[in-house]
Every structure is written in structure tokens, then in C-alpha cells.
Amino acid sequence: MNAQPSADAPSQQRNAPALIEVRGLSLWYGEKQALHGVSFELFRGEILAFIGPSGCGKTTALKCLNRMLDGVRGLRIAGRIVMDGQDIHAPGVDPPLHRRRFGWVAQKPNPFPTSIFENVAWGARLHGIVRDRADLEAHVEHCLRRANLWDEVRDVLRSKAGTELSGGQQQRLCIARALSTRPEVLLMDEPTGSIDPVATRAIEDLLVELRPDHAIIVITHSMMEARRIADRVAVFHLGRLVEVGPTKDVFAAPRTPEARAFIAGRVG
């Protein structure tokens, strides 16, 4: 399969409301400002790619969405992040329950040093998603199938540790683990950044397969990857989101000088 976004994939094309709205998001680590007035929307059933030079705020913006930065000393945030109509920092929002709505996949595969089965079962068990052992077994199989890994590991679920798999398999296991809590949003910080080209294509194809059931944000330094899988791209530069729009439009005719310079390879 070749990863290609379908023409009608983004939910906003069907006039659906945004799942997440970010408005004027600014963030400081102590005296250092990392984000400057970032605003964008995320829709169900789309892949939004964050692109831009290293150190320009992409990962920080990603971590704001699931409140991963809560508790960081000296952190200050301004602006609003609204999910399903509710401010995610409102007093009534329980941070752990909010985070459960998100799955996280890092650049370097980081499976737990335990069995393949337990890697996937852990989150479901922790959050009480499954009723009994049979339900857990079925859930683990379902997640591994969704990550296109089941056929490769079904015979070694309990005898092989996740850390013993190949790099590409480890990353797909991490995706299965992320799916185990039934998230609405998948946040992926360069998920293909440390694996080989064959494994990269497998992950790209998988993201396109997962898109109908999730909103996905993926950080990537590969312009070709963004072209292949993203419905929209958001271009960051020095902590600012300088441009966001349909992938083909941004790559064909970027409106801002920062986006033009990055896409042309003059910065980054």
C-alpha cells in the first residue's frame, strides 16, 4: 500500500466542528519564551503534520495538547486550548482523564522491557478498559492487528520482550500500546525519525489506515513524508506557527517567506 491522503479525508471538508481549537497559545520556560501566539485547529479524521526547523516549538506545542508539561518548574502558559468545547485547563478537567484521550508515540521506539502482550495490556488494565481476561486477550489482539503487527508476533506474545523486536516492529508495538487506551487523538513526535526506509513506509501506511478513527498530529522533518500522508501541514518558525493549510497548497504556493525558505531547503 502507498500512503496517500484521500481527497475528502479531513473532517473540516465535511463542515464538522473542530475536535481541538488552539487560540493564541504562548508558553514560557522561566524567562525564555518558546511559543508565540500559536493558533490552529485539529479535526477528527485528519492527519496534521507539524513541520519546521529543529527547535522551533513543534514538540512543545504537541505536549501542550495533552497537558504533558504540567508540573514543569517555571512553566507559564497563555491562550486557550479547547477540546470538544471545553477549555482543557478549566478547574473541572482531570488531567489524567484528559491525557487518556491521547496516545503518544515518540521518535525513538520505547517499548517496555517486558513481553509483547504486557506492553499492550498494561494501559488497558490500568484504565479499566477490559472486563476480564478474555476481554483483555481480545483487546490486545485487536490493538496489535490495528498496528499491523499481529501476524508477526502472535506466536511470541509472552515469550519475547518488546525490546527484542526490530526497530520498525518496536515502533508499531508502541503504536499498538498507544491504541490500547482507545484514544481519540494520536500525537506522534517524529515516529519514523529513527527507523529504516522500509519500516518508515510501513508506519506511514499505518497512519493513513488509522486516520478514519482518530485525529492525528505527526511531527516530521521529512518533507516527502508530509506530502505523502498529511491532509494539512502547519509550518513553525522560531516558536511561531507561520502558516497552516492543505498540504498540496502549502507546498505548491507557501504564503509566508519563512514557509517558502523552509520548504525550499534554505533553512532547517
Foldseek 3Di string as FASTA:
>chain_A
DFFAADPPQFCVVVVDDFQKWWFQKWKDQAPRTQAGGATDTFHARFEEEEEEDPSQCPVVVLCVQLVVCPPRPRMDIDTFMAGPRHTCPDPVHDSVVSNLQEFEAEQFQDFDQFFLLCSQLVLCVVVVVADDDVRSVVLLLVLCVLLVRCVVCVVCRHPDTLVPDDRLNSRSSSSSNSCSSVHQEYEYENNPNPDDPVSVRSVSNSCSVCSNRHTYYYYHHDLVSCNRHGQKYFYGGNNYGPDIDGSVCCLVPNDDPSSVCVSVPVHD
